[in-house]
Amino acid sequence: MADNPEFERWNARFSQADYVFGTEPNEFLRAQSHRLKQGQTALVPADGEGRNGVFLARQGLDVLSLDFSPAAQAKARALAARHGVAIRTEIADLATYRWPEAAFDVVVAIFIQVAGPPLRDAILAGLKTALKRGGMLILQGYRPEQLNYKTGGPPSAANMYTEAMLRAVYADLRFVHFAVHDDMVDEGGGHRGMSALIDLVAEKP
């Protein structure tokens, strides 16, 4: 990962004792748990310290947790062990990751706003590529208005999502839930406070 300038920063951040974004799952993901089924396969890109991947494993899913930080993945495995579940982990830089085609029942993308265009658009397309037919994408991210709140997320609006962007990228999916809203977020020290959010649940026909 030496060619990724963000690697050293994030790996150092994840090397601290505390969990940067806490150990509880993202609240939007938790609210969608009724849509999950035991035995489903799930991909969680940029899963960091594993709070969301571990939550999915606790629901009975077979989880592959991706991150480019070895420190983060070690903490993800420790969190899984603490909850008595297992997750598979894979070191992966989304800048070079080869998305598997039609391989997962569920893809969960929570605040994975690690890049601006064109990589941002390639990642959004990759999430769809990885879904099986009938599979479900669960996504939450920041909108550009998040720059006014400064309560988490990247410092660049180019990394963030708009309603028009997501509706265009996922026009061939069936939207189950879509919401644009401002709400309080409390996820460790990394995401805390009023936030400009966009939520999506969509199925691949």
C-alpha atoms as a PDB file:
ATOM      1  CA  MET A   1       0.000   0.000   0.000  1.00  0.00           C
ATOM      2  CA  ALA A   2       3.051   2.225  -0.146  1.00  0.00           C
ATOM      3  CA  ASP A   3       1.669   4.016  -3.230  1.00  0.00           C
ATOM      4  CA  ASN A   4      -1.503   5.050  -1.370  1.00  0.00           C
ATOM      5  CA  PRO A   5      -0.795   8.305   0.526  1.00  0.00           C
ATOM      6  CA  GLU A   6      -3.700   7.650   2.886  1.00  0.00           C
ATOM      7  CA  PHE A   7      -2.401   4.287   4.082  1.00  0.00           C
ATOM      8  CA  GLU A   8       0.068   5.492   6.710  1.00  0.00           C
ATOM      9  CA  ARG A   9      -2.427   7.986   8.151  1.00  0.00           C
ATOM     10  CA  TRP A  10      -5.245   5.478   8.476  1.00  0.00           C
ATOM     11  CA  ASN A  11      -3.085   2.594   9.642  1.00  0.00           C
ATOM     12  CA  ALA A  12      -1.645   4.821  12.390  1.00  0.00           C
ATOM     13  CA  ARG A  13      -5.128   5.993  13.324  1.00  0.00           C
ATOM     14  CA  PHE A  14      -6.412   2.422  13.543  1.00  0.00           C
ATOM     15  CA  SER A  15      -3.349   1.372  15.565  1.00  0.00           C
ATOM     16  CA  GLN A  16      -4.548   3.255  18.641  1.00  0.00           C
ATOM     17  CA  ALA A  17      -6.211   1.291  21.421  1.00  0.00           C
ATOM     18  CA  ASP A  18      -9.666   2.851  21.056  1.00  0.00           C
ATOM     19  CA  TYR A  19     -11.995   1.993  18.184  1.00  0.00           C
ATOM     20  CA  VAL A  20     -12.081   5.156  16.054  1.00  0.00           C
ATOM     21  CA  PHE A  21     -15.741   4.746  15.072  1.00  0.00           C
ATOM     22  CA  GLY A  22     -16.777   2.708  18.110  1.00  0.00           C
ATOM     23  CA  THR A  23     -17.698  -0.956  18.275  1.00  0.00           C
ATOM     24  CA  GLU A  24     -21.432  -0.640  17.656  1.00  0.00           C
ATOM     25  CA  PRO A  25     -22.778  -0.941  14.105  1.00  0.00           C
ATOM     26  CA  ASN A  26     -23.907   2.009  12.071  1.00  0.00           C
ATOM     27  CA  GLU A  27     -27.482   2.878  13.067  1.00  0.00           C
ATOM     28  CA  PHE A  28     -28.807   2.845   9.514  1.00  0.00           C
ATOM     29  CA  LEU A  29     -27.386  -0.638   9.003  1.00  0.00           C
ATOM     30  CA  ARG A  30     -28.914  -1.772  12.280  1.00  0.00           C
ATOM     31  CA  ALA A  31     -32.286  -0.406  11.164  1.00  0.00           C
ATOM     32  CA  GLN A  32     -32.093  -2.513   7.983  1.00  0.00           C
ATOM     33  CA  SER A  33     -31.299  -5.757   9.804  1.00  0.00           C
ATOM     34  CA  HIS A  34     -34.843  -7.063   9.252  1.00  0.00           C
ATOM     35  CA  ARG A  35     -33.962  -7.366   5.561  1.00  0.00           C
ATOM     36  CA  LEU A  36     -31.062  -9.764   6.256  1.00  0.00           C
ATOM     37  CA  LYS A  37     -31.255 -13.561   6.240  1.00  0.00           C
ATOM     38  CA  GLN A  38     -29.062 -16.092   7.973  1.00  0.00           C
ATOM     39  CA  GLY A  39     -26.603 -17.756   5.637  1.00  0.00           C
ATOM     40  CA  GLN A  40     -26.396 -14.869   3.187  1.00  0.00           C
ATOM     41  CA  THR A  41     -22.979 -13.844   1.939  1.00  0.00           C
ATOM     42  CA  ALA A  42     -21.987 -10.246   2.657  1.00  0.00           C
ATOM     43  CA  LEU A  43     -19.199  -7.993   1.421  1.00  0.00           C
ATOM     44  CA  VAL A  44     -18.203  -5.004   3.560  1.00  0.00           C
ATOM     45  CA  PRO A  45     -15.626  -2.822   1.761  1.00  0.00           C
ATOM     46  CA  ALA A  46     -13.575  -0.327   3.786  1.00  0.00           C
ATOM     47  CA  ASP A  47     -14.902  -1.977   6.950  1.00  0.00           C
ATOM     48  CA  GLY A  48     -12.178  -0.461   9.126  1.00  0.00           C
ATOM     49  CA  GLU A  49     -12.158  -1.973  12.592  1.00  0.00           C
ATOM     50  CA  GLY A  50     -15.052  -4.253  11.747  1.00  0.00           C
ATOM     51  CA  ARG A  51     -18.034  -2.866  13.636  1.00  0.00           C
ATOM     52  CA  ASN A  52     -20.365  -3.381  10.669  1.00  0.00           C
ATOM     53  CA  GLY A  53     -18.925  -6.663   9.447  1.00  0.00           C
ATOM     54  CA  VAL A  54     -19.108  -8.127  12.939  1.00  0.00           C
ATOM     55  CA  PHE A  55     -22.713  -6.978  13.277  1.00  0.00           C
ATOM     56  CA  LEU A  56     -23.599  -8.807  10.070  1.00  0.00           C
ATOM     57  CA  ALA A  57     -21.854 -11.940  11.317  1.00  0.00           C
ATOM     58  CA  ARG A  58     -23.896 -11.697  14.516  1.00  0.00           C
ATOM     59  CA  GLN A  59     -27.014 -11.807  12.319  1.00  0.00           C
ATOM     60  CA  GLY A  60     -25.808 -15.120  10.856  1.00  0.00           C
ATOM     61  CA  LEU A  61     -24.268 -13.854   7.612  1.00  0.00           C
ATOM     62  CA  ASP A  62     -21.051 -15.127   6.037  1.00  0.00           C
ATOM     63  CA  VAL A  63     -18.978 -11.934   5.984  1.00  0.00           C
ATOM     64  CA  LEU A  64     -15.944 -10.827   3.986  1.00  0.00           C
ATOM     65  CA  SER A  65     -14.549  -7.639   5.556  1.00  0.00           C
ATOM     66  CA  LEU A  66     -12.190  -5.570   3.389  1.00  0.00           C
ATOM     67  CA  ASP A  67      -9.782  -2.854   4.468  1.00  0.00           C
ATOM     68  CA  PHE A  68      -6.327  -1.694   3.473  1.00  0.00           C
ATOM     69  CA  SER A  69      -5.149  -1.365   7.087  1.00  0.00           C
ATOM     70  CA  PRO A  70      -3.685  -4.457   8.804  1.00  0.00           C
ATOM     71  CA  ALA A  71      -4.122  -2.694  12.152  1.00  0.00           C
ATOM     72  CA  ALA A  72      -7.831  -2.204  11.470  1.00  0.00           C
ATOM     73  CA  GLN A  73      -8.346  -5.797  10.428  1.00  0.00           C
ATOM     74  CA  ALA A  74      -6.590  -7.123  13.525  1.00  0.00           C
ATOM     75  CA  LYS A  75      -9.065  -5.128  15.618  1.00  0.00           C
ATOM     76  CA  ALA A  76     -11.953  -6.407  13.472  1.00  0.00           C
ATOM     77  CA  ARG A  77     -10.947 -10.013  14.179  1.00  0.00           C
ATOM     78  CA  ALA A  78     -10.604  -9.206  17.884  1.00  0.00           C
ATOM     79  CA  LEU A  79     -14.077  -7.648  17.917  1.00  0.00           C
ATOM     80  CA  ALA A  80     -15.514 -10.706  16.180  1.00  0.00           C
ATOM     81  CA  ALA A  81     -13.903 -12.993  18.754  1.00  0.00           C
ATOM     82  CA  ARG A  82     -15.323 -10.839  21.545  1.00  0.00           C
ATOM     83  CA  HIS A  83     -18.804 -11.471  20.138  1.00  0.00           C
ATOM     84  CA  GLY A  84     -18.203 -15.156  19.496  1.00  0.00           C
ATOM     85  CA  VAL A  85     -18.491 -14.933  15.714  1.00  0.00           C
ATOM     86  CA  ALA A  86     -16.086 -15.305  12.811  1.00  0.00           C
ATOM     87  CA  ILE A  87     -15.504 -13.029   9.849  1.00  0.00           C
ATOM     88  CA  ARG A  88     -13.197 -13.405   6.892  1.00  0.00           C
ATOM     89  CA  THR A  89     -10.821 -10.493   6.366  1.00  0.00           C
ATOM     90  CA  GLU A  90      -8.882  -9.430   3.299  1.00  0.00           C
ATOM     91  CA  ILE A  91      -6.363  -6.631   2.869  1.00  0.00           C
ATOM     92  CA  ALA A  92      -7.713  -4.600  -0.040  1.00  0.00           C
ATOM     93  CA  ASP A  93      -7.097  -1.113  -1.384  1.00  0.00           C
ATOM     94  CA  LEU A  94     -10.252   0.020  -3.172  1.00  0.00           C
ATOM     95  CA  ALA A  95      -8.087   1.986  -5.603  1.00  0.00           C
ATOM     96  CA  THR A  96      -6.863  -1.281  -7.111  1.00  0.00           C
ATOM     97  CA  TYR A  97      -9.407  -3.852  -5.886  1.00  0.00           C
ATOM     98  CA  ARG A  98     -10.854  -6.194  -8.506  1.00  0.00           C
ATOM     99  CA  TRP A  99     -14.523  -6.427  -7.658  1.00  0.00           C
ATOM    100  CA  PRO A 100     -15.848 -10.009  -7.868  1.00  0.00           C
ATOM    101  CA  GLU A 101     -18.748 -10.355 -10.251  1.00  0.00           C
ATOM    102  CA  ALA A 102     -22.175 -11.376  -8.905  1.00  0.00           C
ATOM    103  CA  ALA A 103     -20.611 -12.939  -5.798  1.00  0.00           C
ATOM    104  CA  PHE A 104     -22.538 -11.613  -2.777  1.00  0.00           C
ATOM    105  CA  ASP A 105     -26.115 -11.529  -1.497  1.00  0.00           C
ATOM    106  CA  VAL A 106     -25.510  -8.310   0.430  1.00  0.00           C
ATOM    107  CA  VAL A 107     -23.030  -5.471  -0.067  1.00  0.00           C
ATOM    108  CA  VAL A 108     -22.776  -2.945   2.763  1.00  0.00           C
ATOM    109  CA  ALA A 109     -21.136   0.427   2.082  1.00  0.00           C
ATOM    110  CA  ILE A 110     -21.123   2.666   5.146  1.00  0.00           C
ATOM    111  CA  PHE A 111     -19.204   5.949   4.865  1.00  0.00           C
ATOM    112  CA  ILE A 112     -16.688   4.529   2.371  1.00  0.00           C
ATOM    113  CA  GLN A 113     -16.071   7.971   0.889  1.00  0.00           C
ATOM    114  CA  VAL A 114     -12.361   7.475   0.455  1.00  0.00           C
ATOM    115  CA  ALA A 115     -11.948   8.996  -3.015  1.00  0.00           C
ATOM    116  CA  GLY A 116     -13.070  11.653  -5.417  1.00  0.00           C
ATOM    117  CA  PRO A 117     -13.942  11.067  -9.067  1.00  0.00           C
ATOM    118  CA  PRO A 118     -13.166   9.032 -11.083  1.00  0.00           C
ATOM    119  CA  LEU A 119     -12.246   6.481  -8.382  1.00  0.00           C
ATOM    120  CA  ARG A 120     -15.389   7.356  -6.394  1.00  0.00           C
ATOM    121  CA  ASP A 121     -17.522   6.439  -9.399  1.00  0.00           C
ATOM    122  CA  ALA A 122     -15.572   3.232  -9.993  1.00  0.00           C
ATOM    123  CA  ILE A 123     -16.159   2.186  -6.379  1.00  0.00           C
ATOM    124  CA  LEU A 124     -19.896   2.886  -6.617  1.00  0.00           C
ATOM    125  CA  ALA A 125     -20.037   0.780  -9.782  1.00  0.00           C
ATOM    126  CA  GLY A 126     -17.982  -1.963  -8.113  1.00  0.00           C
ATOM    127  CA  LEU A 127     -20.505  -2.284  -5.295  1.00  0.00           C
ATOM    128  CA  LYS A 128     -23.143  -3.115  -7.895  1.00  0.00           C
ATOM    129  CA  THR A 129     -20.854  -5.492  -9.775  1.00  0.00           C
ATOM    130  CA  ALA A 130     -20.286  -7.566  -6.627  1.00  0.00           C
ATOM    131  CA  LEU A 131     -24.012  -8.140  -6.076  1.00  0.00           C
ATOM    132  CA  LYS A 132     -25.711 -11.331  -7.182  1.00  0.00           C
ATOM    133  CA  ARG A 133     -29.034 -11.031  -8.994  1.00  0.00           C
ATOM    134  CA  GLY A 134     -31.590 -10.461  -6.273  1.00  0.00           C
ATOM    135  CA  GLY A 135     -28.823  -9.140  -4.017  1.00  0.00           C
ATOM    136  CA  MET A 136     -29.161  -6.053  -1.862  1.00  0.00           C
ATOM    137  CA  LEU A 137     -26.995  -2.949  -1.528  1.00  0.00           C
ATOM    138  CA  ILE A 138     -27.142  -1.084   1.784  1.00  0.00           C
ATOM    139  CA  LEU A 139     -25.374   2.274   1.612  1.00  0.00           C
ATOM    140  CA  GLN A 140     -25.077   5.343   3.798  1.00  0.00           C
ATOM    141  CA  GLY A 141     -22.813   8.297   3.120  1.00  0.00           C
ATOM    142  CA  TYR A 142     -22.327  11.997   3.523  1.00  0.00           C
ATOM    143  CA  ARG A 143     -23.712  14.667   1.215  1.00  0.00           C
ATOM    144  CA  PRO A 144     -21.600  17.746   0.301  1.00  0.00           C
ATOM    145  CA  GLU A 145     -23.485  19.747   2.940  1.00  0.00           C
ATOM    146  CA  GLN A 146     -21.504  17.753   5.515  1.00  0.00           C
ATOM    147  CA  LEU A 147     -18.676  20.249   5.022  1.00  0.00           C
ATOM    148  CA  ASN A 148     -20.791  22.778   6.930  1.00  0.00           C
ATOM    149  CA  TYR A 149     -21.115  20.466   9.937  1.00  0.00           C
ATOM    150  CA  LYS A 150     -17.505  19.226  10.128  1.00  0.00           C
ATOM    151  CA  THR A 151     -18.595  16.267  12.292  1.00  0.00           C
ATOM    152  CA  GLY A 152     -16.837  13.554  10.299  1.00  0.00           C
ATOM    153  CA  GLY A 153     -16.043  12.469   6.797  1.00  0.00           C
ATOM    154  CA  PRO A 154     -13.614  13.657   4.145  1.00  0.00           C
ATOM    155  CA  PRO A 155     -12.693  17.330   3.730  1.00  0.00           C
ATOM    156  CA  SER A 156     -13.668  17.288   0.052  1.00  0.00           C
ATOM    157  CA  ALA A 157     -17.167  17.548  -1.427  1.00  0.00           C
ATOM    158  CA  ALA A 158     -15.915  15.536  -4.419  1.00  0.00           C
ATOM    159  CA  ASN A 159     -15.833  12.414  -2.231  1.00  0.00           C
ATOM    160  CA  MET A 160     -19.441  12.775  -1.158  1.00  0.00           C
ATOM    161  CA  TYR A 161     -22.744  11.645  -2.651  1.00  0.00           C
ATOM    162  CA  THR A 162     -25.729  13.510  -4.019  1.00  0.00           C
ATOM    163  CA  GLU A 163     -29.209  12.186  -4.707  1.00  0.00           C
ATOM    164  CA  ALA A 164     -28.801  12.730  -8.446  1.00  0.00           C
ATOM    165  CA  MET A 165     -25.484  10.851  -8.452  1.00  0.00           C
ATOM    166  CA  LEU A 166     -26.798   7.762  -6.680  1.00  0.00           C
ATOM    167  CA  ARG A 167     -30.016   7.663  -8.675  1.00  0.00           C
ATOM    168  CA  ALA A 168     -27.982   7.777 -11.885  1.00  0.00           C
ATOM    169  CA  VAL A 169     -25.381   5.166 -10.880  1.00  0.00           C
ATOM    170  CA  TYR A 170     -28.028   2.764  -9.572  1.00  0.00           C
ATOM    171  CA  ALA A 171     -30.789   3.478 -12.098  1.00  0.00           C
ATOM    172  CA  ASP A 172     -30.866  -0.203 -13.027  1.00  0.00           C
ATOM    173  CA  LEU A 173     -31.451  -1.326  -9.431  1.00  0.00           C
ATOM    174  CA  ARG A 174     -34.807  -1.478  -7.658  1.00  0.00           C
ATOM    175  CA  PHE A 175     -34.882   1.135  -4.911  1.00  0.00           C
ATOM    176  CA  VAL A 176     -36.329  -0.233  -1.675  1.00  0.00           C
ATOM    177  CA  HIS A 177     -35.452   2.759   0.496  1.00  0.00           C
ATOM    178  CA  PHE A 178     -33.976   6.169  -0.302  1.00  0.00           C
ATOM    179  CA  ALA A 179     -33.654   9.122   2.072  1.00  0.00           C
ATOM    180  CA  VAL A 180     -31.846  12.448   2.188  1.00  0.00           C
ATOM    181  CA  HIS A 181     -31.755  13.864   5.713  1.00  0.00           C
ATOM    182  CA  ASP A 182     -29.790  15.631   8.428  1.00  0.00           C
ATOM    183  CA  ASP A 183     -29.505  13.712  11.692  1.00  0.00           C
ATOM    184  CA  MET A 184     -27.326  13.213  14.741  1.00  0.00           C
ATOM    185  CA  VAL A 185     -24.605  10.573  14.401  1.00  0.00           C
ATOM    186  CA  ASP A 186     -22.709   9.112  17.353  1.00  0.00           C
ATOM    187  CA  GLU A 187     -20.089   6.626  16.164  1.00  0.00           C
ATOM    188  CA  GLY A 188     -17.025   6.823  18.362  1.00  0.00           C
ATOM    189  CA  GLY A 189     -14.815   9.867  18.021  1.00  0.00           C
ATOM    190  CA  GLY A 190     -14.726   9.640  14.222  1.00  0.00           C
ATOM    191  CA  HIS A 191     -18.377  10.483  13.472  1.00  0.00           C
ATOM    192  CA  ARG A 192     -20.175  12.541  16.092  1.00  0.00           C
ATOM    193  CA  GLY A 193     -22.745  15.297  15.767  1.00  0.00           C
ATOM    194  CA  MET A 194     -25.313  16.614  13.314  1.00  0.00           C
ATOM    195  CA  SER A 195     -24.589  15.208   9.874  1.00  0.00           C
ATOM    196  CA  ALA A 196     -25.783  15.548   6.271  1.00  0.00           C
ATOM    197  CA  LEU A 197     -26.697  11.991   5.273  1.00  0.00           C
ATOM    198  CA  ILE A 198     -27.972  10.020   2.319  1.00  0.00           C
ATOM    199  CA  ASP A 199     -29.321   6.470   2.672  1.00  0.00           C
ATOM    200  CA  LEU A 200     -29.966   3.825   0.052  1.00  0.00           C
ATOM    201  CA  VAL A 201     -31.250   0.265  -0.007  1.00  0.00           C
ATOM    202  CA  ALA A 202     -31.573  -1.233  -3.485  1.00  0.00           C
ATOM    203  CA  GLU A 203     -31.920  -4.681  -5.036  1.00  0.00           C
ATOM    204  CA  LYS A 204     -30.249  -5.959  -8.187  1.00  0.00           C
ATOM    205  CA  PRO A 205     -32.861  -7.394 -10.587  1.00  0.00           C
END
